[in-house]
Amino acid sequence: MAQEFKNFIRGKLPWQLRLKAAIWRRTTPISPPSDAPVVVFAIPLVSKRRAPDWEVVCANLNATLTSLRSQSTSSWKALICGQNMPEGLMIDEQVQFLKSNVSDKFYDKGDKRRQIIAHMAQTLRTDGYYFQLDADDLLHPDMVAHICADHNGAGYFLEHGYLYDVGRDLFAPLGGDAAAFWTLCGSSTAAYFDFRRSKRFRALLNELKSHKRIIARMQTYGFEMQPVPFPAGLYLVNHGQNMIERRGNLGGKLSYAEAHALEDPAEIARIKETFRLS
C-alpha cells in the first residue's frame, strides 16, 4: 500500500500514465515523417571519479564511436554527456560532448539523458529517432541505414543480436528462442521524435527510462515500434566497467554466455568483423 501511494504521488499508476499519454497525444500535432530523419544516440558517460578504470571507459567509448562512424549512412548524431571529457575525443558535426550539469552520484544516467533531450529540443529542427546507447555497446553498420530507409514514424527495437563476454571471449546469440536483445541490453530502442514544429516531444522522450518498458510506453502514446530485422547489436559484458557489474547483477549474463556460447570459428569471425572488433 505504501508503494502504491508513492506511485500515486509520483503519477506512476497505470491509469495516471495512460491519462498523461492521452493528454499529450491530444495536445501534440503529429506531422507525417520527413524525408530526412536523423538517429540521435544519447550516450551518458560515467565520471572519471566513479570509474574503476577510466582508461577502459575511454577505450570502450572509442569502440562505440567507431561502430557509429562505421555506419553505412551519415544520418546520425552522437550526444555524449559526462562530467569529464575523454582526452583525444574527436568532436565534429556528428559527435558532441555535453558537460554534465549534475554531481556524479552513483546512478546519474537519468539526469544525463534528460540533459541530452533538453539539448535536442533546443538545437534540432527535424524528426528522427532517439536511441539510448551505453558507452560500451556496438551496433551493426547497417542499423542506422535501415531505420532511416524504413522510417516508420514510430520507432524500432533490437530483437536480435549477441551477448559478448569480453573477459572470456564468448559470443551468445540473443533473440528468437533465446532472450530478446531488448530485454537484456539498454542499447536497444530507437524512439521517434519530431522537433520540427514544437518541443512537445521532449516530454515524451523524458518518459523513456528503463529499456524494458520503452516499447510499452511508446505504445501508450500511440507509437507502435517495430523490430530491426537482423542481429543489430552487440551487448558487451565482463569488461570491468558495466553498470550491472557495479550493481552486482552480472552473474546471470555470464551464465547465459557460457550456456549459449557459439562454437563455430567462422561464425565468430564474421561477428567480430561485422562489429569492428579487432
Protein backbone atom coordinates (compact mmCIF):
# COMPACT_ATOMS: atom_id res chain seq x y z
CA MET A 1 0.00 0.00 0.00
CA ALA A 2 2.86 2.37 0.85
CA GLN A 3 4.47 1.80 -2.54
CA GLU A 4 1.16 2.32 -4.32
CA PHE A 5 0.72 5.64 -2.51
CA LYS A 6 4.25 6.69 -3.53
CA ASN A 7 3.46 5.79 -7.15
CA PHE A 8 0.24 7.81 -6.92
CA ILE A 9 2.11 10.86 -5.63
CA ARG A 10 4.68 10.47 -8.43
CA GLY A 11 1.97 10.00 -11.07
CA LYS A 12 3.16 6.49 -11.92
CA LEU A 13 -0.01 4.45 -11.51
CA PRO A 14 -1.14 2.83 -14.79
CA TRP A 15 -4.24 5.00 -15.13
CA GLN A 16 -2.18 8.14 -14.47
CA LEU A 17 0.34 7.16 -17.15
CA ARG A 18 -2.48 6.48 -19.63
CA LEU A 19 -4.10 9.83 -18.83
CA LYS A 20 -0.80 11.67 -19.27
CA ALA A 21 -0.27 9.97 -22.64
CA ALA A 22 -3.82 10.78 -23.78
CA ILE A 23 -3.40 14.46 -22.89
CA TRP A 24 -0.04 14.60 -24.67
CA ARG A 25 -1.46 12.98 -27.78
CA ARG A 26 -4.49 15.31 -27.85
CA THR A 27 -2.34 18.45 -27.47
CA THR A 28 0.56 17.45 -29.77
CA PRO A 29 0.12 17.78 -33.55
CA ILE A 30 1.62 14.77 -35.33
CA SER A 31 3.02 15.54 -38.78
CA PRO A 32 3.89 13.00 -41.48
CA PRO A 33 7.52 11.81 -41.22
CA SER A 34 10.06 13.91 -43.11
CA ASP A 35 12.31 12.79 -45.96
CA ALA A 36 15.50 13.26 -43.91
CA PRO A 37 15.32 11.65 -40.45
CA VAL A 38 18.31 11.54 -38.11
CA VAL A 39 19.15 8.96 -35.47
CA VAL A 40 20.41 10.64 -32.29
CA PHE A 41 22.45 8.48 -29.94
CA ALA A 42 22.21 9.58 -26.31
CA ILE A 43 25.37 8.40 -24.54
CA PRO A 44 25.69 9.01 -20.78
CA LEU A 45 29.32 8.65 -19.68
CA VAL A 46 30.35 7.68 -16.15
CA SER A 47 32.52 10.21 -14.34
CA LYS A 48 36.25 9.70 -14.00
CA ARG A 49 35.90 9.64 -10.20
CA ARG A 50 33.26 6.89 -10.34
CA ALA A 51 35.05 4.76 -12.94
CA PRO A 52 37.13 1.85 -11.61
CA ASP A 53 39.40 2.27 -14.66
CA TRP A 54 39.00 5.49 -16.63
CA GLU A 55 41.27 4.26 -19.43
CA VAL A 56 38.99 1.27 -20.03
CA VAL A 57 35.95 3.58 -20.05
CA CYS A 58 37.61 5.75 -22.71
CA ALA A 59 38.65 2.72 -24.77
CA ASN A 60 35.10 1.32 -24.65
CA LEU A 61 33.66 4.69 -25.68
CA ASN A 62 36.11 4.88 -28.57
CA ALA A 63 34.99 1.43 -29.77
CA THR A 64 31.34 2.50 -29.54
CA LEU A 65 32.03 5.67 -31.54
CA THR A 66 34.00 3.63 -34.08
CA SER A 67 30.91 1.48 -34.63
CA LEU A 68 28.91 4.66 -35.23
CA ARG A 69 31.47 6.15 -37.59
CA SER A 70 31.37 2.82 -39.46
CA GLN A 71 27.64 3.18 -40.18
CA SER A 72 26.78 2.89 -43.86
CA THR A 73 24.95 6.24 -43.73
CA SER A 74 25.87 9.52 -42.06
CA SER A 75 22.30 10.27 -40.89
CA TRP A 76 23.16 10.15 -37.20
CA LYS A 77 24.45 12.24 -34.31
CA ALA A 78 26.01 11.20 -31.01
CA LEU A 79 25.50 13.34 -27.90
CA ILE A 80 27.81 12.30 -25.07
CA CYS A 81 27.06 13.71 -21.62
CA GLY A 82 29.52 13.37 -18.76
CA GLN A 83 31.46 15.15 -16.06
CA ASN A 84 34.80 14.53 -17.76
CA MET A 85 35.58 14.76 -21.47
CA PRO A 86 37.92 11.94 -22.54
CA GLU A 87 41.28 13.13 -23.77
CA GLY A 88 41.56 12.95 -27.55
CA LEU A 89 37.80 12.67 -28.12
CA MET A 90 37.16 13.80 -31.69
CA ILE A 91 34.37 16.37 -31.74
CA ASP A 92 32.71 17.30 -35.04
CA GLU A 93 29.27 17.81 -36.55
CA GLN A 94 28.24 14.26 -35.67
CA VAL A 95 29.82 13.78 -32.24
CA GLN A 96 29.32 16.33 -29.45
CA PHE A 97 30.23 16.38 -25.77
CA LEU A 98 27.89 17.98 -23.23
CA LYS A 99 29.35 18.85 -19.84
CA SER A 100 27.11 17.23 -17.23
CA ASN A 101 25.29 19.70 -15.02
CA VAL A 102 24.80 17.25 -12.11
CA SER A 103 27.11 15.79 -9.49
CA ASP A 104 28.49 12.32 -10.12
CA LYS A 105 26.22 10.34 -7.85
CA PHE A 106 26.21 6.56 -8.19
CA TYR A 107 23.45 6.44 -10.80
CA ASP A 108 23.19 9.61 -12.87
CA LYS A 109 22.20 8.18 -16.25
CA GLY A 110 18.72 9.62 -15.99
CA ASP A 111 20.00 13.13 -15.28
CA LYS A 112 22.38 12.96 -18.22
CA ARG A 113 19.72 11.66 -20.58
CA ARG A 114 17.38 14.48 -19.59
CA GLN A 115 20.16 16.96 -20.32
CA ILE A 116 20.71 15.38 -23.74
CA ILE A 117 16.98 15.51 -24.51
CA ALA A 118 16.85 19.18 -23.49
CA HIS A 119 19.76 19.87 -25.84
CA MET A 120 17.98 18.05 -28.65
CA ALA A 121 14.82 20.11 -28.13
CA GLN A 122 16.86 23.32 -28.20
CA THR A 123 19.04 22.56 -31.22
CA LEU A 124 17.21 20.17 -33.56
CA ARG A 125 14.56 21.21 -36.06
CA THR A 126 13.98 17.84 -37.63
CA ASP A 127 12.42 14.49 -36.84
CA GLY A 128 14.16 11.21 -36.24
CA TYR A 129 14.85 8.58 -33.62
CA TYR A 130 16.22 8.86 -30.10
CA PHE A 131 18.50 5.91 -29.30
CA GLN A 132 19.69 5.34 -25.73
CA LEU A 133 23.22 3.98 -26.19
CA ASP A 134 25.57 2.86 -23.46
CA ALA A 135 29.21 3.84 -23.90
CA ASP A 136 30.35 0.23 -24.26
CA ASP A 137 27.94 -1.39 -26.74
CA LEU A 138 28.36 -1.81 -30.51
CA LEU A 139 25.90 -1.61 -33.40
CA HIS A 140 25.62 -3.25 -36.80
CA PRO A 141 26.94 -0.93 -39.55
CA ASP A 142 23.59 -1.02 -41.40
CA MET A 143 21.35 -0.28 -38.43
CA VAL A 144 21.01 3.48 -38.98
CA ALA A 145 20.52 2.94 -42.72
CA HIS A 146 17.67 0.52 -42.06
CA ILE A 147 15.93 2.86 -39.63
CA CYS A 148 16.24 5.89 -41.91
CA ALA A 149 15.15 3.99 -45.03
CA ASP A 150 12.15 2.34 -43.36
CA HIS A 151 11.31 5.46 -41.30
CA ASN A 152 8.01 4.28 -39.82
CA GLY A 153 7.42 7.38 -37.71
CA ALA A 154 7.04 5.30 -34.54
CA GLY A 155 10.31 3.65 -33.60
CA TYR A 156 12.38 0.48 -33.63
CA PHE A 157 13.76 -2.05 -31.19
CA LEU A 158 16.53 -4.61 -31.42
CA GLU A 159 15.06 -8.09 -31.19
CA HIS A 160 18.20 -9.96 -32.28
CA GLY A 161 21.88 -9.51 -31.51
CA TYR A 162 24.66 -11.01 -29.46
CA LEU A 163 25.86 -11.02 -25.87
CA TYR A 164 29.66 -10.72 -25.82
CA ASP A 165 31.51 -11.85 -22.70
CA VAL A 166 34.68 -9.83 -23.24
CA GLY A 167 36.66 -11.40 -20.42
CA ARG A 168 36.21 -14.92 -21.78
CA ASP A 169 35.77 -14.01 -25.48
CA LEU A 170 32.38 -15.77 -25.68
CA PHE A 171 29.55 -14.84 -28.06
CA ALA A 172 25.96 -15.90 -27.35
CA PRO A 173 23.03 -15.12 -29.69
CA LEU A 174 20.05 -13.15 -28.37
CA GLY A 175 16.56 -13.23 -29.84
CA GLY A 176 14.37 -15.92 -31.31
CA ASP A 177 14.01 -18.80 -28.88
CA ALA A 178 16.59 -17.19 -26.60
CA ALA A 179 16.11 -13.96 -24.64
CA ALA A 180 15.24 -10.95 -26.79
CA PHE A 181 18.08 -8.45 -27.12
CA TRP A 182 15.96 -5.52 -25.89
CA THR A 183 15.06 -7.29 -22.64
CA LEU A 184 18.72 -7.54 -21.62
CA CYS A 185 20.57 -4.64 -23.17
CA GLY A 186 19.85 -0.95 -22.62
CA SER A 187 21.20 -0.07 -26.07
CA SER A 188 18.18 -1.42 -27.88
CA THR A 189 15.48 1.12 -28.75
CA ALA A 190 15.09 3.97 -31.24
CA ALA A 191 12.05 6.07 -30.29
CA TYR A 192 10.53 8.54 -32.75
CA PHE A 193 10.70 12.29 -32.08
CA ASP A 194 9.75 15.37 -34.05
CA PHE A 195 11.08 18.84 -33.18
CA ARG A 196 10.07 20.49 -36.46
CA ARG A 197 7.04 22.35 -35.11
CA SER A 198 7.42 22.34 -31.34
CA LYS A 199 9.32 20.93 -28.36
CA ARG A 200 6.41 18.74 -27.28
CA PHE A 201 8.33 15.50 -27.90
CA ARG A 202 10.72 16.47 -25.12
CA ALA A 203 8.11 15.40 -22.57
CA LEU A 204 7.62 12.07 -24.32
CA LEU A 205 11.33 11.28 -24.54
CA ASN A 206 11.73 12.07 -20.84
CA GLU A 207 9.18 9.32 -20.13
CA LEU A 208 11.52 6.72 -21.67
CA LYS A 209 13.70 5.34 -18.91
CA SER A 210 14.03 1.59 -18.40
CA HIS A 211 14.71 -0.15 -21.73
CA LYS A 212 12.36 -2.95 -20.70
CA ARG A 213 9.40 -0.54 -20.62
CA ILE A 214 10.12 1.74 -23.59
CA ILE A 215 8.20 -0.31 -26.16
CA ALA A 216 5.10 -0.42 -23.94
CA ARG A 217 5.39 3.27 -23.03
CA MET A 218 5.66 4.31 -26.68
CA GLN A 219 2.61 2.15 -27.44
CA THR A 220 0.68 4.00 -24.72
CA TYR A 221 1.50 7.24 -26.55
CA GLY A 222 0.28 5.76 -29.85
CA PHE A 223 3.59 4.69 -31.41
CA GLU A 224 3.95 1.03 -32.45
CA MET A 225 7.67 0.33 -32.53
CA GLN A 226 8.91 -2.35 -34.93
CA PRO A 227 11.84 -4.80 -34.69
CA VAL A 228 15.02 -4.34 -36.69
CA PRO A 229 15.01 -7.48 -38.88
CA PHE A 230 18.63 -8.58 -38.36
CA PRO A 231 21.11 -9.02 -35.46
CA ALA A 232 21.80 -5.33 -34.95
CA GLY A 233 23.52 -5.06 -31.56
CA LEU A 234 26.46 -6.40 -29.60
CA TYR A 235 25.99 -6.24 -25.82
CA LEU A 236 29.37 -6.23 -24.08
CA VAL A 237 29.72 -7.55 -20.53
CA ASN A 238 32.53 -8.67 -18.24
CA HIS A 239 34.98 -5.95 -19.20
CA GLY A 240 35.13 -4.35 -15.76
CA GLN A 241 33.03 -1.23 -16.37
CA ASN A 242 29.41 -2.43 -16.74
CA MET A 243 26.75 -0.69 -14.68
CA ILE A 244 25.23 -4.10 -13.95
CA GLU A 245 28.60 -5.19 -12.56
CA ARG A 246 28.70 -2.11 -10.33
CA ARG A 247 25.23 -3.14 -9.12
CA GLY A 248 26.31 -6.77 -8.59
CA ASN A 249 23.95 -8.16 -11.26
CA LEU A 250 26.43 -9.63 -13.73
CA GLY A 251 26.22 -13.31 -12.79
CA GLY A 252 23.16 -14.23 -14.87
CA LYS A 253 24.66 -12.70 -18.02
CA LEU A 254 27.88 -14.70 -17.57
CA SER A 255 25.92 -17.93 -17.09
CA TYR A 256 23.90 -17.20 -20.22
CA ALA A 257 27.04 -16.51 -22.25
CA GLU A 258 28.59 -19.78 -21.15
CA ALA A 259 25.45 -21.85 -21.72
CA HIS A 260 24.74 -20.45 -25.21
CA ALA A 261 28.24 -19.71 -26.46
CA LEU A 262 28.79 -20.06 -30.21
CA GLU A 263 31.44 -22.58 -31.19
CA ASP A 264 31.85 -22.17 -34.97
CA PRO A 265 35.12 -20.20 -35.51
CA ALA A 266 33.90 -18.91 -38.89
CA GLU A 267 30.67 -17.54 -37.38
CA ILE A 268 32.58 -15.88 -34.55
CA ALA A 269 34.99 -14.33 -37.04
CA ARG A 270 32.06 -12.93 -39.06
CA ILE A 271 30.57 -11.35 -35.93
CA LYS A 272 33.88 -9.77 -34.99
CA GLU A 273 34.33 -8.41 -38.49
CA THR A 274 30.78 -7.07 -38.70
CA PHE A 275 31.01 -5.24 -35.36
CA ARG A 276 34.56 -3.97 -35.98
CA LEU A 277 36.18 -5.93 -33.15
CA SER A 278 39.94 -6.11 -33.50
